[in-house]
């Protein structure tokens, strides 16, 4: 699983080759993003295995999101064995420029010298 920030959103990618797309579940609850999926083993009785090294079974990862994301805008796609989850930043967490106001009628401070008598 990889996670990076791109502009105004986070991008999570997870390699899930051979996973049945219908078994993938992405959910958010109480600030925790959960990804789960299932890859089933081949169950053909007529097969005589010569080597069997591919992973099968359940996949589950959890990620704490924090307060700076828009949970309602999270989207996920699965293509070519890669799950991509887009996690947008909340509007309040996006960087913004703050304009500095200038007071009208500003007066310059003048330097004066004091004569020592």
PDB file of N, CA and C in Angstrom:
ATOM      1  N   UNK A   1       0.853  -1.173   0.000  1.00  0.00           N
ATOM      2  CA  UNK A   1       0.000   0.000   0.000  1.00  0.00           C
ATOM      3  C   UNK A   1       0.899   1.236   0.000  1.00  0.00           C
ATOM      4  N   UNK A   2       0.570   2.197  -0.854  1.00  0.00           N
ATOM      5  CA  UNK A   2       1.283   3.473  -0.912  1.00  0.00           C
ATOM      6  C   UNK A   2       0.289   4.591  -0.631  1.00  0.00           C
ATOM      7  N   UNK A   3       0.746   5.646   0.023  1.00  0.00           N
ATOM      8  CA  UNK A   3      -0.099   6.802   0.308  1.00  0.00           C
ATOM      9  C   UNK A   3       0.717   8.053   0.066  1.00  0.00           C
ATOM     10  N   UNK A   4       0.159   8.985  -0.734  1.00  0.00           N
ATOM     11  CA  UNK A   4       0.842  10.247  -0.987  1.00  0.00           C
ATOM     12  C   UNK A   4      -0.194  11.376  -1.048  1.00  0.00           C
ATOM     13  N   UNK A   5       0.303  12.611  -0.929  1.00  0.00           N
ATOM     14  CA  UNK A   5      -0.561  13.783  -1.049  1.00  0.00           C
ATOM     15  C   UNK A   5      -0.311  14.405  -2.412  1.00  0.00           C
ATOM     16  N   UNK A   6      -1.399  14.651  -3.145  1.00  0.00           N
ATOM     17  CA  UNK A   6      -1.330  15.272  -4.465  1.00  0.00           C
ATOM     18  C   UNK A   6      -2.300  16.453  -4.458  1.00  0.00           C
ATOM     19  N   UNK A   7      -1.765  17.663  -4.561  1.00  0.00           N
ATOM     20  CA  UNK A   7      -2.580  18.887  -4.574  1.00  0.00           C
ATOM     21  C   UNK A   7      -3.538  18.916  -3.384  1.00  0.00           C
ATOM     22  N   UNK A   8      -4.842  18.785  -3.643  1.00  0.00           N
ATOM     23  CA  UNK A   8      -5.841  18.938  -2.578  1.00  0.00           C
ATOM     24  C   UNK A   8      -6.460  17.607  -2.146  1.00  0.00           C
ATOM     25  N   UNK A   9      -5.706  16.490  -2.321  1.00  0.00           N
ATOM     26  CA  UNK A   9      -6.221  15.191  -1.889  1.00  0.00           C
ATOM     27  C   UNK A   9      -5.072  14.218  -1.608  1.00  0.00           C
ATOM     28  N   UNK A  10      -5.398  13.161  -0.894  1.00  0.00           N
ATOM     29  CA  UNK A  10      -4.472  12.068  -0.677  1.00  0.00           C
ATOM     30  C   UNK A  10      -4.803  10.966  -1.681  1.00  0.00           C
ATOM     31  N   UNK A  11      -3.800  10.211  -2.095  1.00  0.00           N
ATOM     32  CA  UNK A  11      -3.991   9.130  -3.045  1.00  0.00           C
ATOM     33  C   UNK A  11      -3.395   7.858  -2.447  1.00  0.00           C
ATOM     34  N   UNK A  12      -4.250   6.873  -2.221  1.00  0.00           N
ATOM     35  CA  UNK A  12      -3.833   5.588  -1.680  1.00  0.00           C
ATOM     36  C   UNK A  12      -3.914   4.555  -2.793  1.00  0.00           C
ATOM     37  N   UNK A  13      -2.854   3.791  -3.005  1.00  0.00           N
ATOM     38  CA  UNK A  13      -2.880   2.719  -3.996  1.00  0.00           C
ATOM     39  C   UNK A  13      -2.454   1.422  -3.307  1.00  0.00           C
ATOM     40  N   UNK A  14      -3.160   0.353  -3.647  1.00  0.00           N
ATOM     41  CA  UNK A  14      -2.852  -0.961  -3.085  1.00  0.00           C
ATOM     42  C   UNK A  14      -2.884  -1.990  -4.203  1.00  0.00           C
ATOM     43  N   UNK A  15      -1.830  -2.784  -4.313  1.00  0.00           N
ATOM     44  CA  UNK A  15      -1.782  -3.845  -5.309  1.00  0.00           C
ATOM     45  C   UNK A  15      -2.595  -5.032  -4.800  1.00  0.00           C
ATOM     46  N   UNK A  16      -3.609  -5.398  -5.561  1.00  0.00           N
ATOM     47  CA  UNK A  16      -4.467  -6.527  -5.211  1.00  0.00           C
ATOM     48  C   UNK A  16      -4.672  -7.414  -6.443  1.00  0.00           C
ATOM     49  N   UNK A  17      -3.601  -7.978  -6.988  1.00  0.00           N
ATOM     50  CA  UNK A  17      -3.749  -8.769  -8.211  1.00  0.00           C
ATOM     51  C   UNK A  17      -4.558 -10.040  -7.965  1.00  0.00           C
ATOM     52  N   UNK A  18      -5.405 -10.365  -8.908  1.00  0.00           N
ATOM     53  CA  UNK A  18      -6.181 -11.596  -8.834  1.00  0.00           C
ATOM     54  C   UNK A  18      -7.343 -11.574  -7.878  1.00  0.00           C
ATOM     55  N   UNK A  19      -7.615 -10.435  -7.269  1.00  0.00           N
ATOM     56  CA  UNK A  19      -8.723 -10.321  -6.327  1.00  0.00           C
ATOM     57  C   UNK A  19     -10.024 -10.162  -7.097  1.00  0.00           C
ATOM     58  N   UNK A  20     -11.052 -10.851  -6.652  1.00  0.00           N
ATOM     59  CA  UNK A  20     -12.382 -10.687  -7.240  1.00  0.00           C
ATOM     60  C   UNK A  20     -12.865  -9.277  -6.913  1.00  0.00           C
ATOM     61  N   UNK A  21     -13.124  -8.436  -7.925  1.00  0.00           N
ATOM     62  CA  UNK A  21     -13.547  -7.052  -7.657  1.00  0.00           C
ATOM     63  C   UNK A  21     -14.787  -6.959  -6.767  1.00  0.00           C
ATOM     64  N   UNK A  22     -15.644  -7.972  -6.802  1.00  0.00           N
ATOM     65  CA  UNK A  22     -16.852  -7.948  -5.972  1.00  0.00           C
ATOM     66  C   UNK A  22     -16.545  -8.216  -4.498  1.00  0.00           C
ATOM     67  N   UNK A  23     -15.344  -8.704  -4.193  1.00  0.00           N
ATOM     68  CA  UNK A  23     -14.985  -8.966  -2.796  1.00  0.00           C
ATOM     69  C   UNK A  23     -14.336  -7.762  -2.124  1.00  0.00           C
ATOM     70  N   UNK A  24     -14.015  -6.729  -2.891  1.00  0.00           N
ATOM     71  CA  UNK A  24     -13.347  -5.547  -2.335  1.00  0.00           C
ATOM     72  C   UNK A  24     -14.359  -4.691  -1.588  1.00  0.00           C
ATOM     73  N   UNK A  25     -13.996  -4.325  -0.367  1.00  0.00           N
ATOM     74  CA  UNK A  25     -14.850  -3.466   0.448  1.00  0.00           C
ATOM     75  C   UNK A  25     -14.000  -2.318   0.990  1.00  0.00           C
ATOM     76  N   UNK A  26     -14.419  -1.093   0.723  1.00  0.00           N
ATOM     77  CA  UNK A  26     -13.758   0.097   1.253  1.00  0.00           C
ATOM     78  C   UNK A  26     -14.798   0.828   2.083  1.00  0.00           C
ATOM     79  N   UNK A  27     -14.487   1.064   3.369  1.00  0.00           N
ATOM     80  CA  UNK A  27     -15.461   1.726   4.245  1.00  0.00           C
ATOM     81  C   UNK A  27     -14.751   2.706   5.170  1.00  0.00           C
ATOM     82  N   UNK A  28     -15.531   3.642   5.693  1.00  0.00           N
ATOM     83  CA  UNK A  28     -15.031   4.635   6.645  1.00  0.00           C
ATOM     84  C   UNK A  28     -15.962   4.639   7.843  1.00  0.00           C
ATOM     85  N   UNK A  29     -15.372   4.519   9.021  1.00  0.00           N
ATOM     86  CA  UNK A  29     -16.169   4.576  10.253  1.00  0.00           C
ATOM     87  C   UNK A  29     -15.324   5.176  11.363  1.00  0.00           C
ATOM     88  N   UNK A  30     -15.842   6.204  12.005  1.00  0.00           N
ATOM     89  CA  UNK A  30     -15.156   6.878  13.113  1.00  0.00           C
ATOM     90  C   UNK A  30     -13.725   7.280  12.763  1.00  0.00           C
ATOM     91  N   UNK A  31     -13.533   7.829  11.564  1.00  0.00           N
ATOM     92  CA  UNK A  31     -12.222   8.327  11.166  1.00  0.00           C
ATOM     93  C   UNK A  31     -11.234   7.248  10.748  1.00  0.00           C
ATOM     94  N   UNK A  32     -11.687   6.015  10.572  1.00  0.00           N
ATOM     95  CA  UNK A  32     -10.815   4.926  10.151  1.00  0.00           C
ATOM     96  C   UNK A  32     -11.262   4.397   8.792  1.00  0.00           C
ATOM     97  N   UNK A  33     -10.338   4.399   7.828  1.00  0.00           N
ATOM     98  CA  UNK A  33     -10.591   3.836   6.508  1.00  0.00           C
ATOM     99  C   UNK A  33     -10.182   2.368   6.549  1.00  0.00           C
ATOM    100  N   UNK A  34     -11.089   1.478   6.137  1.00  0.00           N
ATOM    101  CA  UNK A  34     -10.808   0.045   6.130  1.00  0.00           C
ATOM    102  C   UNK A  34     -10.929  -0.486   4.714  1.00  0.00           C
ATOM    103  N   UNK A  35      -9.911  -1.218   4.281  1.00  0.00           N
ATOM    104  CA  UNK A  35      -9.916  -1.871   2.974  1.00  0.00           C
ATOM    105  C   UNK A  35      -9.828  -3.369   3.230  1.00  0.00           C
ATOM    106  N   UNK A  36     -10.754  -4.113   2.648  1.00  0.00           N
ATOM    107  CA  UNK A  36     -10.680  -5.568   2.757  1.00  0.00           C
ATOM    108  C   UNK A  36     -11.009  -6.187   1.410  1.00  0.00           C
ATOM    109  N   UNK A  37     -10.432  -7.350   1.161  1.00  0.00           N
ATOM    110  CA  UNK A  37     -10.637  -8.065  -0.102  1.00  0.00           C
ATOM    111  C   UNK A  37     -10.356  -9.540   0.126  1.00  0.00           C
ATOM    112  N   UNK A  38     -10.749 -10.339  -0.843  1.00  0.00           N
ATOM    113  CA  UNK A  38     -10.588 -11.791  -0.744  1.00  0.00           C
ATOM    114  C   UNK A  38     -10.091 -12.342  -2.071  1.00  0.00           C
ATOM    115  N   UNK A  39      -9.078 -13.187  -2.016  1.00  0.00           N
ATOM    116  CA  UNK A  39      -8.642 -13.922  -3.204  1.00  0.00           C
ATOM    117  C   UNK A  39      -8.751 -15.401  -2.862  1.00  0.00           C
ATOM    118  N   UNK A  40      -9.557 -16.097  -3.631  1.00  0.00           N
ATOM    119  CA  UNK A  40      -9.834 -17.507  -3.369  1.00  0.00           C
ATOM    120  C   UNK A  40      -8.802 -18.399  -4.045  1.00  0.00           C
ATOM    121  N   UNK A  41      -8.527 -19.524  -3.388  1.00  0.00           N
ATOM    122  CA  UNK A  41      -7.623 -20.522  -3.966  1.00  0.00           C
ATOM    123  C   UNK A  41      -8.382 -21.319  -5.023  1.00  0.00           C
ATOM    124  N   UNK A  42      -7.656 -21.803  -5.981  1.00  0.00           N
ATOM    125  CA  UNK A  42      -8.278 -22.637  -7.010  1.00  0.00           C
ATOM    126  C   UNK A  42      -8.715 -23.943  -6.358  1.00  0.00           C
ATOM    127  N   UNK A  43      -9.956 -24.303  -6.554  1.00  0.00           N
ATOM    128  CA  UNK A  43     -10.500 -25.480  -5.869  1.00  0.00           C
ATOM    129  C   UNK A  43     -10.869 -26.589  -6.843  1.00  0.00           C
ATOM    130  N   UNK A  44     -10.099 -26.724  -7.888  1.00  0.00           N
ATOM    131  CA  UNK A  44     -10.354 -27.752  -8.891  1.00  0.00           C
ATOM    132  C   UNK A  44      -9.720 -29.068  -8.423  1.00  0.00           C
ATOM    133  N   UNK A  45     -10.541 -30.098  -8.155  1.00  0.00           N
ATOM    134  CA  UNK A  45     -10.043 -31.368  -7.627  1.00  0.00           C
ATOM    135  C   UNK A  45      -9.151 -32.114  -8.609  1.00  0.00           C
ATOM    136  N   UNK A  46      -9.294 -31.829  -9.886  1.00  0.00           N
ATOM    137  CA  UNK A  46      -8.516 -32.554 -10.881  1.00  0.00           C
ATOM    138  C   UNK A  46      -7.109 -31.978 -11.071  1.00  0.00           C
ATOM    139  N   UNK A  47      -6.764 -30.910 -10.333  1.00  0.00           N
ATOM    140  CA  UNK A  47      -5.471 -30.248 -10.486  1.00  0.00           C
ATOM    141  C   UNK A  47      -4.431 -30.944  -9.606  1.00  0.00           C
ATOM    142  N   UNK A  48      -3.272 -31.222 -10.183  1.00  0.00           N
ATOM    143  CA  UNK A  48      -2.140 -31.733  -9.423  1.00  0.00           C
ATOM    144  C   UNK A  48      -1.116 -30.603  -9.344  1.00  0.00           C
ATOM    145  N   UNK A  49      -0.967 -29.985  -8.176  1.00  0.00           N
ATOM    146  CA  UNK A  49      -0.096 -28.832  -8.021  1.00  0.00           C
ATOM    147  C   UNK A  49       1.368 -29.242  -8.112  1.00  0.00           C
ATOM    148  N   UNK A  50       2.136 -28.519  -8.902  1.00  0.00           N
ATOM    149  CA  UNK A  50       3.577 -28.693  -8.985  1.00  0.00           C
ATOM    150  C   UNK A  50       4.291 -27.619  -8.170  1.00  0.00           C
ATOM    151  N   UNK A  51       3.690 -26.453  -8.111  1.00  0.00           N
ATOM    152  CA  UNK A  51       4.154 -25.345  -7.268  1.00  0.00           C
ATOM    153  C   UNK A  51       2.931 -24.505  -6.938  1.00  0.00           C
ATOM    154  N   UNK A  52       2.853 -24.036  -5.712  1.00  0.00           N
ATOM    155  CA  UNK A  52       1.701 -23.241  -5.282  1.00  0.00           C
ATOM    156  C   UNK A  52       2.198 -22.166  -4.326  1.00  0.00           C
ATOM    157  N   UNK A  53       2.647 -21.032  -4.882  1.00  0.00           N
ATOM    158  CA  UNK A  53       3.249 -19.962  -4.090  1.00  0.00           C
ATOM    159  C   UNK A  53       2.429 -18.688  -4.049  1.00  0.00           C
ATOM    160  N   UNK A  54       1.361 -18.602  -4.828  1.00  0.00           N
ATOM    161  CA  UNK A  54       0.565 -17.379  -4.853  1.00  0.00           C
ATOM    162  C   UNK A  54      -0.255 -17.262  -3.575  1.00  0.00           C
ATOM    163  N   UNK A  55      -0.305 -16.050  -3.051  1.00  0.00           N
ATOM    164  CA  UNK A  55      -1.085 -15.774  -1.853  1.00  0.00           C
ATOM    165  C   UNK A  55      -2.575 -15.890  -2.137  1.00  0.00           C
ATOM    166  N   UNK A  56      -3.304 -16.458  -1.239  1.00  0.00           N
ATOM    167  CA  UNK A  56      -4.764 -16.417  -1.301  1.00  0.00           C
ATOM    168  C   UNK A  56      -5.279 -16.279   0.119  1.00  0.00           C
ATOM    169  N   UNK A  57      -6.469 -15.778   0.228  1.00  0.00           N
ATOM    170  CA  UNK A  57      -7.063 -15.546   1.538  1.00  0.00           C
ATOM    171  C   UNK A  57      -7.561 -14.118   1.645  1.00  0.00           C
ATOM    172  N   UNK A  58      -7.628 -13.648   2.874  1.00  0.00           N
ATOM    173  CA  UNK A  58      -8.186 -12.322   3.150  1.00  0.00           C
ATOM    174  C   UNK A  58      -7.096 -11.264   3.219  1.00  0.00           C
ATOM    175  N   UNK A  59      -7.449 -10.062   2.791  1.00  0.00           N
ATOM    176  CA  UNK A  59      -6.585  -8.889   2.850  1.00  0.00           C
ATOM    177  C   UNK A  59      -7.356  -7.820   3.617  1.00  0.00           C
ATOM    178  N   UNK A  60      -6.723  -7.213   4.603  1.00  0.00           N
ATOM    179  CA  UNK A  60      -7.395  -6.153   5.373  1.00  0.00           C
ATOM    180  C   UNK A  60      -6.343  -5.163   5.854  1.00  0.00           C
ATOM    181  N   UNK A  61      -6.589  -3.887   5.560  1.00  0.00           N
ATOM    182  CA  UNK A  61      -5.726  -2.801   6.030  1.00  0.00           C
ATOM    183  C   UNK A  61      -6.596  -1.700   6.579  1.00  0.00           C
ATOM    184  N   UNK A  62      -6.119  -1.050   7.628  1.00  0.00           N
ATOM    185  CA  UNK A  62      -6.840   0.077   8.211  1.00  0.00           C
ATOM    186  C   UNK A  62      -5.911   1.266   8.309  1.00  0.00           C
ATOM    187  N   UNK A  63      -6.505   2.442   8.124  1.00  0.00           N
ATOM    188  CA  UNK A  63      -5.744   3.682   8.116  1.00  0.00           C
ATOM    189  C   UNK A  63      -6.536   4.734   8.874  1.00  0.00           C
ATOM    190  N   UNK A  64      -5.908   5.362   9.860  1.00  0.00           N
ATOM    191  CA  UNK A  64      -6.551   6.447  10.597  1.00  0.00           C
ATOM    192  C   UNK A  64      -6.474   7.722   9.761  1.00  0.00           C
ATOM    193  N   UNK A  65      -7.619   8.352   9.522  1.00  0.00           N
ATOM    194  CA  UNK A  65      -7.672   9.497   8.612  1.00  0.00           C
ATOM    195  C   UNK A  65      -7.372  10.836   9.268  1.00  0.00           C
ATOM    196  N   UNK A  66      -7.693  11.031  10.499  1.00  0.00           N
ATOM    197  CA  UNK A  66      -7.515  12.328  11.119  1.00  0.00           C
ATOM    198  C   UNK A  66      -8.672  13.257  10.778  1.00  0.00           C
ATOM    199  N   UNK A  67      -8.578  14.501  11.197  1.00  0.00           N
ATOM    200  CA  UNK A  67      -9.686  15.449  11.040  1.00  0.00           C
ATOM    201  C   UNK A  67      -9.645  16.248   9.750  1.00  0.00           C
ATOM    202  N   UNK A  68      -8.562  16.213   9.007  1.00  0.00           N
ATOM    203  CA  UNK A  68      -8.407  17.105   7.865  1.00  0.00           C
ATOM    204  C   UNK A  68      -8.906  16.575   6.541  1.00  0.00           C
ATOM    205  N   UNK A  69      -9.725  15.500   6.529  1.00  0.00           N
ATOM    206  CA  UNK A  69     -10.202  14.954   5.264  1.00  0.00           C
ATOM    207  C   UNK A  69     -11.717  15.046   5.158  1.00  0.00           C
ATOM    208  N   UNK A  70     -12.194  15.023   3.929  1.00  0.00           N
ATOM    209  CA  UNK A  70     -13.626  15.044   3.645  1.00  0.00           C
ATOM    210  C   UNK A  70     -14.078  13.600   3.438  1.00  0.00           C
ATOM    211  N   UNK A  71     -14.540  12.944   4.497  1.00  0.00           N
ATOM    212  CA  UNK A  71     -14.922  11.534   4.436  1.00  0.00           C
ATOM    213  C   UNK A  71     -16.029  11.271   3.425  1.00  0.00           C
ATOM    214  N   UNK A  72     -16.930  12.225   3.229  1.00  0.00           N
ATOM    215  CA  UNK A  72     -18.044  12.011   2.309  1.00  0.00           C
ATOM    216  C   UNK A  72     -17.597  12.036   0.845  1.00  0.00           C
ATOM    217  N   UNK A  73     -16.406  12.546   0.560  1.00  0.00           N
ATOM    218  CA  UNK A  73     -15.930  12.644  -0.818  1.00  0.00           C
ATOM    219  C   UNK A  73     -14.962  11.539  -1.217  1.00  0.00           C
ATOM    220  N   UNK A  74     -14.736  10.552  -0.363  1.00  0.00           N
ATOM    221  CA  UNK A  74     -13.800   9.467  -0.676  1.00  0.00           C
ATOM    222  C   UNK A  74     -14.355   8.621  -1.815  1.00  0.00           C
ATOM    223  N   UNK A  75     -13.485   8.302  -2.785  1.00  0.00           N
ATOM    224  CA  UNK A  75     -13.882   7.491  -3.943  1.00  0.00           C
ATOM    225  C   UNK A  75     -12.827   6.413  -4.176  1.00  0.00           C
ATOM    226  N   UNK A  76     -13.258   5.257  -4.735  1.00  0.00           N
ATOM    227  CA  UNK A  76     -12.332   4.159  -4.976  1.00  0.00           C
ATOM    228  C   UNK A  76     -12.581   3.536  -6.344  1.00  0.00           C
ATOM    229  N   UNK A  77     -11.485   3.128  -7.010  1.00  0.00           N
ATOM    230  CA  UNK A  77     -11.580   2.408  -8.276  1.00  0.00           C
ATOM    231  C   UNK A  77     -10.621   1.224  -8.220  1.00  0.00           C
ATOM    232  N   UNK A  78     -10.956   0.186  -8.981  1.00  0.00           N
ATOM    233  CA  UNK A  78     -10.103  -1.003  -9.073  1.00  0.00           C
ATOM    234  C   UNK A  78      -9.891  -1.309 -10.543  1.00  0.00           C
ATOM    235  N   UNK A  79      -8.624  -1.236 -10.971  1.00  0.00           N
ATOM    236  CA  UNK A  79      -8.318  -1.457 -12.381  1.00  0.00           C
ATOM    237  C   UNK A  79      -6.966  -2.145 -12.507  1.00  0.00           C
ATOM    238  N   UNK A  80      -6.913  -3.194 -13.322  1.00  0.00           N
ATOM    239  CA  UNK A  80      -5.680  -3.935 -13.586  1.00  0.00           C
ATOM    240  C   UNK A  80      -4.974  -4.395 -12.310  1.00  0.00           C
ATOM    241  N   UNK A  81      -5.765  -4.827 -11.324  1.00  0.00           N
ATOM    242  CA  UNK A  81      -5.183  -5.355 -10.092  1.00  0.00           C
ATOM    243  C   UNK A  81      -4.741  -4.318  -9.087  1.00  0.00           C
ATOM    244  N   UNK A  82      -5.045  -3.040  -9.337  1.00  0.00           N
ATOM    245  CA  UNK A  82      -4.636  -1.974  -8.427  1.00  0.00           C
ATOM    246  C   UNK A  82      -5.875  -1.232  -7.921  1.00  0.00           C
ATOM    247  N   UNK A  83      -6.000  -1.162  -6.601  1.00  0.00           N
ATOM    248  CA  UNK A  83      -7.070  -0.395  -5.968  1.00  0.00           C
ATOM    249  C   UNK A  83      -6.550   1.016  -5.730  1.00  0.00           C
ATOM    250  N   UNK A  84      -7.290   2.021  -6.193  1.00  0.00           N
ATOM    251  CA  UNK A  84      -6.923   3.421  -5.992  1.00  0.00           C
ATOM    252  C   UNK A  84      -8.027   4.100  -5.200  1.00  0.00           C
ATOM    253  N   UNK A  85      -7.664   4.690  -4.067  1.00  0.00           N
ATOM    254  CA  UNK A  85      -8.621   5.390  -3.214  1.00  0.00           C
ATOM    255  C   UNK A  85      -8.212   6.860  -3.158  1.00  0.00           C
ATOM    256  N   UNK A  86      -9.134   7.741  -3.546  1.00  0.00           N
ATOM    257  CA  UNK A  86      -8.894   9.180  -3.508  1.00  0.00           C
ATOM    258  C   UNK A  86      -9.565   9.739  -2.262  1.00  0.00           C
ATOM    259  N   UNK A  87      -8.778  10.417  -1.431  1.00  0.00           N
ATOM    260  CA  UNK A  87      -9.265  10.952  -0.162  1.00  0.00           C
ATOM    261  C   UNK A  87      -9.092  12.468  -0.199  1.00  0.00           C
ATOM    262  N   UNK A  88     -10.181  13.218  -0.447  1.00  0.00           N
ATOM    263  CA  UNK A  88     -10.044  14.678  -0.560  1.00  0.00           C
ATOM    264  C   UNK A  88      -9.826  15.348   0.797  1.00  0.00           C
ATOM    265  N   UNK A  89      -9.090  16.441   0.768  1.00  0.00           N
ATOM    266  CA  UNK A  89      -8.921  17.253   1.972  1.00  0.00           C
ATOM    267  C   UNK A  89     -10.216  17.995   2.268  1.00  0.00           C
ATOM    268  N   UNK A  90     -10.506  18.168   3.534  1.00  0.00           N
ATOM    269  CA  UNK A  90     -11.661  18.969   3.929  1.00  0.00           C
ATOM    270  C   UNK A  90     -11.372  20.423   3.576  1.00  0.00           C
ATOM    271  N   UNK A  91     -12.411  21.173   3.294  1.00  0.00           N
ATOM    272  CA  UNK A  91     -12.253  22.580   2.903  1.00  0.00           C
ATOM    273  C   UNK A  91     -11.465  23.348   3.960  1.00  0.00           C
ATOM    274  N   UNK A  92     -11.711  23.048   5.234  1.00  0.00           N
ATOM    275  CA  UNK A  92     -11.023  23.765   6.315  1.00  0.00           C
ATOM    276  C   UNK A  92      -9.546  23.397   6.411  1.00  0.00           C
ATOM    277  N   UNK A  93      -9.143  22.264   5.823  1.00  0.00           N
ATOM    278  CA  UNK A  93      -7.752  21.827   5.891  1.00  0.00           C
ATOM    279  C   UNK A  93      -6.927  22.277   4.693  1.00  0.00           C
ATOM    280  N   UNK A  94      -7.583  22.811   3.664  1.00  0.00           N
ATOM    281  CA  UNK A  94      -6.863  23.250   2.470  1.00  0.00           C
ATOM    282  C   UNK A  94      -6.100  24.529   2.770  1.00  0.00           C
ATOM    283  N   UNK A  95      -4.902  24.673   2.227  1.00  0.00           N
ATOM    284  CA  UNK A  95      -4.166  25.917   2.441  1.00  0.00           C
ATOM    285  C   UNK A  95      -4.892  27.083   1.778  1.00  0.00           C
ATOM    286  N   UNK A  96      -4.827  28.217   2.408  1.00  0.00           N
ATOM    287  CA  UNK A  96      -5.467  29.395   1.830  1.00  0.00           C
ATOM    288  C   UNK A  96      -4.619  30.614   2.119  1.00  0.00           C
ATOM    289  N   UNK A  97      -4.772  31.613   1.292  1.00  0.00           N
ATOM    290  CA  UNK A  97      -4.032  32.868   1.431  1.00  0.00           C
ATOM    291  C   UNK A  97      -4.859  33.809   2.292  1.00  0.00           C
ATOM    292  N   UNK A  98      -4.215  34.424   3.242  1.00  0.00           N
ATOM    293  CA  UNK A  98      -4.891  35.383   4.120  1.00  0.00           C
ATOM    294  C   UNK A  98      -4.412  36.776   3.742  1.00  0.00           C
ATOM    295  N   UNK A  99      -5.369  37.620   3.370  1.00  0.00           N
ATOM    296  CA  UNK A  99      -5.035  38.972   2.963  1.00  0.00           C
ATOM    297  C   UNK A  99      -4.827  39.838   4.200  1.00  0.00           C
ATOM    298  N   UNK A 100      -3.823  40.652   4.143  1.00  0.00           N
ATOM    299  CA  UNK A 100      -3.523  41.564   5.243  1.00  0.00           C
ATOM    300  C   UNK A 100      -4.183  42.899   4.944  1.00  0.00           C
ATOM    301  N   UNK A 101      -5.057  43.349   5.840  1.00  0.00           N
ATOM    302  CA  UNK A 101      -5.758  44.619   5.660  1.00  0.00           C
ATOM    303  C   UNK A 101      -4.853  45.764   6.119  1.00  0.00           C
ATOM    304  N   UNK A 102      -4.960  46.885   5.408  1.00  0.00           N
ATOM    305  CA  UNK A 102      -4.190  48.076   5.761  1.00  0.00           C
ATOM    306  C   UNK A 102      -5.153  49.117   6.302  1.00  0.00           C
ATOM    307  N   UNK A 103      -4.797  49.690   7.445  1.00  0.00           N
ATOM    308  CA  UNK A 103      -5.655  50.701   8.055  1.00  0.00           C
ATOM    309  C   UNK A 103      -5.637  51.965   7.205  1.00  0.00           C
ATOM    310  N   UNK A 104      -6.808  52.555   7.004  1.00  0.00           N
ATOM    311  CA  UNK A 104      -6.903  53.790   6.226  1.00  0.00           C
ATOM    312  C   UNK A 104      -6.333  54.948   7.039  1.00  0.00           C
ATOM    313  N   UNK A 105      -5.684  55.859   6.367  1.00  0.00           N
ATOM    314  CA  UNK A 105      -5.161  57.058   7.018  1.00  0.00           C
ATOM    315  C   UNK A 105      -3.968  56.779   7.920  1.00  0.00           C
ATOM    316  N   UNK A 106      -3.144  55.835   7.547  1.00  0.00           N
ATOM    317  CA  UNK A 106      -1.971  55.544   8.355  1.00  0.00           C
ATOM    318  C   UNK A 106      -1.056  56.754   8.386  1.00  0.00           C
ATOM    319  N   UNK A 107      -0.466  56.976   9.516  1.00  0.00           N
ATOM    320  CA  UNK A 107       0.472  58.085   9.651  1.00  0.00           C
ATOM    321  C   UNK A 107       1.856  57.510   9.875  1.00  0.00           C
ATOM    322  N   UNK A 108       2.826  58.194   9.282  1.00  0.00           N
ATOM    323  CA  UNK A 108       4.208  57.767   9.451  1.00  0.00           C
ATOM    324  C   UNK A 108       4.716  58.267  10.788  1.00  0.00           C
ATOM    325  N   UNK A 109       5.575  57.506  11.385  1.00  0.00           N
ATOM    326  CA  UNK A 109       6.182  57.913  12.650  1.00  0.00           C
ATOM    327  C   UNK A 109       7.414  58.735  12.311  1.00  0.00           C
ATOM    328  N   UNK A 110       7.462  59.940  12.884  1.00  0.00           N
ATOM    329  CA  UNK A 110       8.585  60.813  12.596  1.00  0.00           C
ATOM    330  C   UNK A 110       9.579  60.755  13.740  1.00  0.00           C
ATOM    331  N   UNK A 111      10.836  60.742  13.356  1.00  0.00           N
ATOM    332  CA  UNK A 111      11.886  60.720  14.373  1.00  0.00           C
ATOM    333  C   UNK A 111      12.127  62.137  14.869  1.00  0.00           C
ATOM    334  N   UNK A 112      12.237  62.312  16.137  1.00  0.00           N
ATOM    335  CA  UNK A 112      12.543  63.617  16.706  1.00  0.00           C
ATOM    336  C   UNK A 112      13.778  63.476  17.582  1.00  0.00           C
ATOM    337  N   UNK A 113      14.498  64.574  17.703  1.00  0.00           N
ATOM    338  CA  UNK A 113      15.665  64.558  18.558  1.00  0.00           C
ATOM    339  C   UNK A 113      15.368  65.397  19.787  1.00  0.00           C
ATOM    340  N   UNK A 114      15.916  64.980  20.856  1.00  0.00           N
ATOM    341  CA  UNK A 114      15.696  65.690  22.126  1.00  0.00           C
ATOM    342  C   UNK A 114      16.998  66.410  22.467  1.00  0.00           C
ATOM    343  N   UNK A 115      16.904  67.747  22.707  1.00  0.00           N
ATOM    344  CA  UNK A 115      18.087  68.519  23.071  1.00  0.00           C
ATOM    345  C   UNK A 115      18.345  68.318  24.560  1.00  0.00           C
ATOM    346  N   UNK A 116      19.566  68.000  24.849  1.00  0.00           N
ATOM    347  CA  UNK A 116      19.962  67.859  26.266  1.00  0.00           C
ATOM    348  C   UNK A 116      20.412  69.228  26.752  1.00  0.00           C
ATOM    349  N   UNK A 117      19.804  69.767  27.722  1.00  0.00           N
ATOM    350  CA  UNK A 117      20.148  71.102  28.194  1.00  0.00           C
ATOM    351  C   UNK A 117      21.037  71.084  29.371  1.00  0.00           C
TER     352      UNK A 117
END
